[in-house]
Protein backbone atom coordinates (compact mmCIF):
# COMPACT_ATOMS: atom_id res chain seq x y z
CA MET A 1 -0.03 -0.02 -0.03
CA ALA A 2 1.40 3.39 -0.99
CA THR A 3 1.60 5.94 1.86
CA SER A 4 -0.78 8.91 1.77
CA ARG A 5 0.44 12.24 0.30
CA ILE A 6 -2.02 14.79 1.52
CA VAL A 7 -2.16 18.27 0.18
CA THR A 8 -4.59 21.08 1.11
CA VAL A 9 -5.45 23.62 -1.60
CA SER A 10 -7.21 26.92 -1.40
CA ALA A 11 -8.89 29.47 -3.74
CA LEU A 12 -9.19 33.10 -2.73
CA GLN A 13 -11.85 35.49 -3.92
CA PHE A 14 -12.28 39.18 -3.38
CA ALA A 15 -13.41 42.59 -4.96
CA CYS A 16 -10.45 44.64 -6.08
CA THR A 17 -10.04 48.46 -5.64
CA ASP A 18 -7.83 50.31 -8.03
CA ASP A 19 -5.12 50.77 -5.52
CA VAL A 20 -2.29 48.38 -5.50
CA SER A 21 -1.43 48.56 -1.75
CA THR A 22 -4.99 47.94 -0.74
CA ASN A 23 -5.40 44.92 -2.90
CA VAL A 24 -2.06 43.44 -1.95
CA ASP A 25 -2.98 43.89 1.76
CA THR A 26 -6.36 42.01 1.12
CA ALA A 27 -4.48 39.26 -0.65
CA GLU A 28 -2.04 38.89 2.14
CA ARG A 29 -4.87 38.97 4.81
CA LEU A 30 -6.72 36.12 3.00
CA VAL A 31 -3.46 34.16 2.40
CA ARG A 32 -2.93 34.18 6.05
CA ALA A 33 -6.55 33.18 6.85
CA ALA A 34 -6.20 30.34 4.35
CA HIS A 35 -3.05 29.29 6.03
CA GLN A 36 -4.78 29.19 9.39
CA LYS A 37 -7.35 26.85 7.91
CA GLY A 38 -4.60 24.47 6.82
CA ALA A 39 -3.86 25.28 3.19
CA ASN A 40 -0.64 24.49 1.64
CA ILE A 41 -1.12 25.92 -1.86
CA ILE A 42 -3.12 29.17 -2.15
CA LEU A 43 -4.44 30.65 -5.31
CA ILE A 44 -5.08 34.37 -5.70
CA GLN A 45 -7.07 35.69 -8.62
CA GLU A 46 -5.70 37.07 -11.93
CA LEU A 47 -4.13 40.53 -11.99
CA PHE A 48 -5.36 41.12 -8.34
CA GLU A 49 -3.09 44.33 -8.01
CA GLY A 50 -5.89 46.63 -9.36
CA TYR A 51 -9.02 46.84 -11.67
CA TYR A 52 -9.21 44.58 -14.68
CA PHE A 53 -7.94 47.33 -17.04
CA CYS A 54 -8.44 45.56 -20.24
CA GLN A 55 -12.00 46.87 -20.58
CA ALA A 56 -10.32 49.86 -22.34
CA GLN A 57 -7.39 50.57 -24.70
CA LYS A 58 -5.46 53.30 -22.92
CA GLU A 59 -1.82 53.74 -23.40
CA ASN A 60 -1.15 55.02 -19.91
CA PHE A 61 -2.40 51.63 -18.58
CA PHE A 62 0.91 50.30 -19.73
CA LEU A 63 2.34 52.18 -16.77
CA ARG A 64 0.79 49.42 -14.59
CA SER A 65 3.40 46.81 -15.80
CA LYS A 66 6.58 46.25 -14.02
CA PRO A 67 9.65 43.86 -14.73
CA TYR A 68 9.64 40.49 -13.17
CA LYS A 69 12.89 40.73 -11.42
CA ARG A 70 12.65 42.90 -8.11
CA HIS A 71 8.74 43.21 -8.55
CA PRO A 72 7.58 44.52 -5.21
CA THR A 73 4.45 42.40 -5.00
CA ILE A 74 6.31 39.30 -5.91
CA GLN A 75 9.06 40.15 -3.32
CA ARG A 76 6.22 40.71 -0.66
CA MET A 77 4.74 37.27 -1.50
CA GLN A 78 8.00 35.50 -1.37
CA ASN A 79 8.40 36.75 2.16
CA LEU A 80 4.86 35.79 2.98
CA ALA A 81 5.19 32.27 1.49
CA LYS A 82 8.50 31.71 3.48
CA GLU A 83 6.97 32.99 6.87
CA LEU A 84 3.96 30.66 6.41
CA GLY A 85 5.44 27.86 4.53
CA VAL A 86 2.88 27.75 1.89
CA VAL A 87 3.03 27.89 -2.03
CA ILE A 88 1.67 31.07 -3.86
CA PRO A 89 1.14 31.64 -7.47
CA VAL A 90 1.22 35.33 -7.98
CA SER A 91 -0.43 36.85 -11.21
CA PHE A 92 1.13 40.20 -12.45
CA PHE A 93 1.31 42.47 -15.49
CA GLU A 94 4.86 41.96 -16.72
CA GLU A 95 7.08 44.38 -18.73
CA ALA A 96 9.90 42.68 -20.57
CA ASN A 97 11.86 45.34 -22.58
CA ASN A 98 9.29 46.39 -25.13
CA ALA A 99 7.03 43.22 -24.71
CA HIS A 100 4.33 42.93 -22.12
CA TYR A 101 2.74 39.71 -20.79
CA ASN A 102 0.02 38.44 -18.42
CA SER A 103 2.19 36.36 -16.17
CA ILE A 104 2.40 34.37 -13.12
CA VAL A 105 5.33 33.38 -10.91
CA VAL A 106 5.08 30.31 -8.73
CA ILE A 107 6.49 30.85 -5.22
CA ASP A 108 7.49 27.78 -3.18
CA ALA A 109 7.06 27.27 0.49
CA ASP A 110 10.49 28.51 1.31
CA GLY A 111 9.99 31.68 -0.64
CA THR A 112 12.04 30.34 -3.72
CA ASP A 113 10.99 31.81 -7.15
CA LEU A 114 10.22 28.53 -9.11
CA GLY A 115 9.86 30.34 -12.39
CA LEU A 116 7.46 32.15 -14.69
CA TYR A 117 4.45 31.18 -16.91
CA ARG A 118 3.10 33.67 -19.54
CA LYS A 119 -0.51 33.37 -20.63
CA SER A 120 -0.66 31.61 -23.91
CA HIS A 121 -4.22 32.29 -25.21
CA ILE A 122 -5.01 36.19 -25.33
CA PRO A 123 -8.63 37.17 -25.68
CA ASP A 124 -10.01 40.03 -27.73
CA GLY A 125 -13.46 41.05 -27.34
CA PRO A 126 -15.71 43.70 -25.76
CA GLY A 127 -14.70 44.41 -22.22
CA TYR A 128 -11.69 41.81 -22.54
CA GLN A 129 -9.33 43.67 -24.77
CA GLU A 130 -6.10 41.83 -23.75
CA LYS A 131 -4.48 41.75 -27.15
CA TYR A 132 -3.98 45.43 -26.91
CA TYR A 133 -1.69 44.95 -23.81
CA PHE A 134 -0.28 41.45 -23.85
CA ASN A 135 2.08 39.60 -26.22
CA PRO A 136 1.14 35.99 -26.60
CA GLY A 137 3.13 33.93 -23.91
CA ASP A 138 6.36 32.30 -25.01
CA THR A 139 7.06 29.99 -22.11
CA GLY A 140 4.79 27.18 -23.28
CA PHE A 141 2.82 25.24 -20.58
CA LYS A 142 4.88 24.49 -17.61
CA VAL A 143 4.65 22.32 -14.45
CA PHE A 144 6.24 23.53 -11.25
CA GLN A 145 7.71 21.18 -8.61
CA THR A 146 6.68 22.58 -5.24
CA LYS A 147 7.23 21.32 -1.88
CA PHE A 148 3.64 19.85 -1.72
CA ALA A 149 2.79 18.93 -5.39
CA ASN A 150 3.63 19.16 -8.95
CA ILE A 151 1.34 21.96 -10.27
CA GLY A 152 0.24 23.32 -13.73
CA VAL A 153 -0.89 26.86 -13.80
CA GLY A 154 -2.87 28.41 -16.58
CA ILE A 155 -4.35 31.91 -16.63
CA CYS A 156 -7.97 32.75 -17.44
CA TRP A 157 -8.73 32.39 -21.18
CA ASP A 158 -6.14 29.49 -21.05
CA GLN A 159 -8.87 27.56 -19.12
CA TRP A 160 -11.23 27.27 -22.09
CA PHE A 161 -8.56 25.14 -23.91
CA PRO A 162 -8.56 21.25 -23.19
CA GLU A 163 -5.09 21.13 -25.00
CA ALA A 164 -3.62 23.24 -22.21
CA ALA A 165 -4.82 21.29 -19.31
CA ARG A 166 -3.78 18.09 -21.04
CA ALA A 167 -0.39 19.40 -21.89
CA MET A 168 0.29 20.31 -18.07
CA VAL A 169 -1.01 16.90 -16.94
CA LEU A 170 1.31 15.14 -19.45
CA GLN A 171 4.14 16.76 -18.03
CA GLY A 172 3.28 15.59 -14.58
CA ALA A 173 0.89 18.10 -13.12
CA GLU A 174 -0.96 16.74 -10.16
CA ILE A 175 -3.28 19.66 -9.63
CA LEU A 176 -4.27 22.42 -12.08
CA PHE A 177 -4.89 26.14 -11.02
CA TYR A 178 -6.47 28.86 -12.98
CA PRO A 179 -6.49 32.59 -11.78
CA THR A 180 -9.25 34.29 -13.52
CA ALA A 181 -10.98 37.62 -14.11
CA ILE A 182 -14.36 37.11 -15.64
CA GLY A 183 -17.77 38.52 -15.35
CA SER A 184 -20.45 40.12 -17.36
CA GLU A 185 -20.30 40.96 -20.98
CA PRO A 186 -20.47 44.88 -21.68
CA GLN A 187 -21.97 44.31 -25.11
CA ASP A 188 -24.80 42.07 -23.85
CA GLN A 189 -25.90 42.24 -20.29
CA GLY A 190 -28.03 39.16 -20.73
CA LEU A 191 -25.05 36.96 -21.37
CA ASP A 192 -24.04 34.90 -18.47
CA SER A 193 -21.24 32.59 -18.87
CA ARG A 194 -20.52 31.49 -15.34
CA ASP A 195 -22.06 27.97 -15.70
CA HIS A 196 -20.27 27.32 -19.05
CA TRP A 197 -17.11 28.65 -17.58
CA ARG A 198 -17.23 26.36 -14.61
CA ARG A 199 -18.39 23.16 -16.64
CA VAL A 200 -15.57 23.49 -19.06
CA MET A 201 -13.01 23.37 -16.18
CA GLN A 202 -14.84 20.61 -14.38
CA GLY A 203 -14.20 18.70 -17.85
CA HIS A 204 -10.57 19.29 -17.68
CA ALA A 205 -10.53 17.89 -14.08
CA GLY A 206 -12.44 14.85 -15.08
CA ALA A 207 -10.72 14.24 -18.42
CA ASN A 208 -7.33 14.12 -16.61
CA VAL A 209 -8.33 12.89 -13.30
CA VAL A 210 -6.75 15.74 -11.38
CA PRO A 211 -8.23 18.28 -9.06
CA LEU A 212 -8.60 21.75 -10.30
CA VAL A 213 -8.72 25.07 -8.45
CA ALA A 214 -10.15 28.28 -10.04
CA SER A 215 -10.05 31.77 -8.39
CA ASN A 216 -12.13 34.68 -9.79
CA ARG A 217 -12.83 38.12 -8.58
CA VAL A 218 -16.04 39.74 -7.46
CA GLY A 219 -17.53 43.24 -7.66
CA LYS A 220 -18.47 45.83 -10.14
CA GLU A 221 -15.63 47.81 -11.94
CA ILE A 222 -16.11 50.78 -14.18
CA ILE A 223 -13.25 51.97 -16.54
CA GLU A 224 -13.37 54.98 -18.80
CA THR A 225 -12.99 54.06 -22.33
CA GLU A 226 -12.49 55.81 -25.65
CA ARG A 227 -16.26 55.42 -26.00
CA GLY A 228 -17.36 56.39 -22.59
CA LYS A 229 -17.71 54.20 -19.47
CA SER A 230 -17.41 50.44 -19.61
CA GLU A 231 -18.70 48.18 -16.70
CA ILE A 232 -18.17 44.62 -15.81
CA THR A 233 -19.60 42.84 -12.74
CA PHE A 234 -17.41 40.02 -12.00
CA TYR A 235 -19.21 36.91 -10.92
CA GLY A 236 -16.87 35.08 -8.61
CA ASN A 237 -18.02 31.42 -8.36
CA SER A 238 -14.58 30.35 -7.50
CA PHE A 239 -14.34 26.65 -6.99
CA ILE A 240 -12.43 23.61 -6.40
CA ALA A 241 -13.17 20.50 -8.55
CA GLY A 242 -12.18 16.85 -7.68
CA PRO A 243 -10.64 14.19 -10.12
CA THR A 244 -13.97 13.28 -11.65
CA GLY A 245 -14.87 16.91 -12.19
CA GLU A 246 -17.19 17.04 -9.12
CA LEU A 247 -17.60 20.33 -7.27
CA ILE A 248 -15.79 20.12 -3.85
CA GLU A 249 -16.19 23.59 -2.89
CA SER A 250 -17.74 26.72 -4.47
CA ALA A 251 -18.13 30.36 -3.71
CA GLY A 252 -20.92 32.81 -4.54
CA ASP A 253 -21.15 35.73 -6.76
CA LYS A 254 -20.69 38.67 -4.48
CA GLU A 255 -18.89 37.70 -1.34
CA GLU A 256 -15.13 37.48 -0.30
CA ALA A 257 -14.39 33.77 -0.06
CA ILE A 258 -11.65 31.38 1.12
CA LEU A 259 -12.22 27.85 -0.25
CA ILE A 260 -10.40 24.79 1.13
CA ALA A 261 -10.18 21.19 -0.07
CA GLN A 262 -7.80 18.35 0.76
CA PHE A 263 -6.53 15.70 -1.53
CA ASP A 264 -4.48 12.49 -1.27
CA LEU A 265 -2.17 12.81 -4.36
CA ASN A 266 -0.86 9.01 -4.16
CA LYS A 267 -4.54 7.94 -4.08
CA LEU A 268 -5.26 9.92 -7.06
CA LYS A 269 -2.28 8.75 -9.02
CA SER A 270 -3.51 5.17 -8.67
CA LYS A 271 -7.03 6.27 -9.63
CA ARG A 272 -5.58 7.96 -12.68
CA ASN A 273 -3.49 5.03 -13.70
CA SER A 274 -6.43 2.61 -13.38
CA TRP A 275 -8.61 4.49 -15.76
CA GLY A 276 -6.10 4.12 -18.51
CA ILE A 277 -6.67 7.58 -20.11
CA PHE A 278 -2.95 8.15 -20.53
CA ARG A 279 -2.17 4.52 -21.44
CA ASP A 280 -4.73 4.43 -24.18
CA ARG A 281 -3.82 7.88 -25.84
CA ARG A 282 -2.95 7.87 -29.57
CA PRO A 283 -0.65 10.87 -30.17
CA ASP A 284 -0.03 9.48 -33.65
CA LEU A 285 -3.57 10.33 -34.59
CA TYR A 286 -3.65 13.69 -32.99
CA LYS A 287 -1.64 15.70 -35.60
CA VAL A 288 -4.76 17.51 -36.86
CA LEU A 289 -4.45 19.38 -33.61
CA LEU A 290 -1.31 21.05 -34.90
CA THR A 291 -3.49 22.81 -37.59
CA LEU A 292 -5.90 25.72 -37.35
CA ASP A 293 -8.50 24.57 -39.74
CA GLY A 294 -8.24 20.90 -39.61
CA SER A 295 -6.67 20.52 -43.12
CA ASN A 296 -3.01 20.07 -44.49
CA VAL A 297 -2.52 17.47 -41.80
CA SER A 298 1.35 16.48 -42.19
CA GLU A 299 1.97 12.78 -42.38
């Protein structure tokens, strides 16, 4: 019998102001509270330092970006992770010379910087105009070997692509994490994507037989755009899914939340092996996935 390897994960959820210090203070307060509840790996939502500025195309918003090295929020979270002995993925707007990325750094439980992932899939639609700000990520999908688990981290729009989840689990990810900023659609207030959003990720968990943690913000944010005011109400609903896609914990659409769930990674490894979903894969038949339109598949 394999020994147990227990890990406790947490998803945080809160409303952002447009003041960096206030938001980082809130994130630290909730990280400390999650630690008190026993969490080992704690996920903060996407771009939590301020409002989701991608509602508008404004050149002065590039001033919100900072270089990866010596980034003050990352350094503060490194100190916090070391103090508490927890793993913290930290989302930030990265400046890299003349390029800009929607990035995340994974901080290990001793405060070590384990490396950077840059968001691969960049959306461009009303209210979510990320292509104006972010270059497509160039890191590829990565797995980070933390003290408690090997984790894969995607960012928001990445979560809609099953290829990304599969790529991370193929590389050994035992848990998937997705920091997010998603809510209402400014062009259609009747469109509510929350159930679709959640079911897609539940599918990733079930298809790969791994737990999945998603952290989203809440609250109404109004941004001045070139065409007047744009407004998004972020719908929260952060959640933790189990290895069959089942919902373990879920937050509401308005309140601050700290979600906690515990998993035995050795038990889940045996379950994943027994289902045969990685044994029975046929990579030789998947070349069509390397095309955009399904044609001109190379032999």
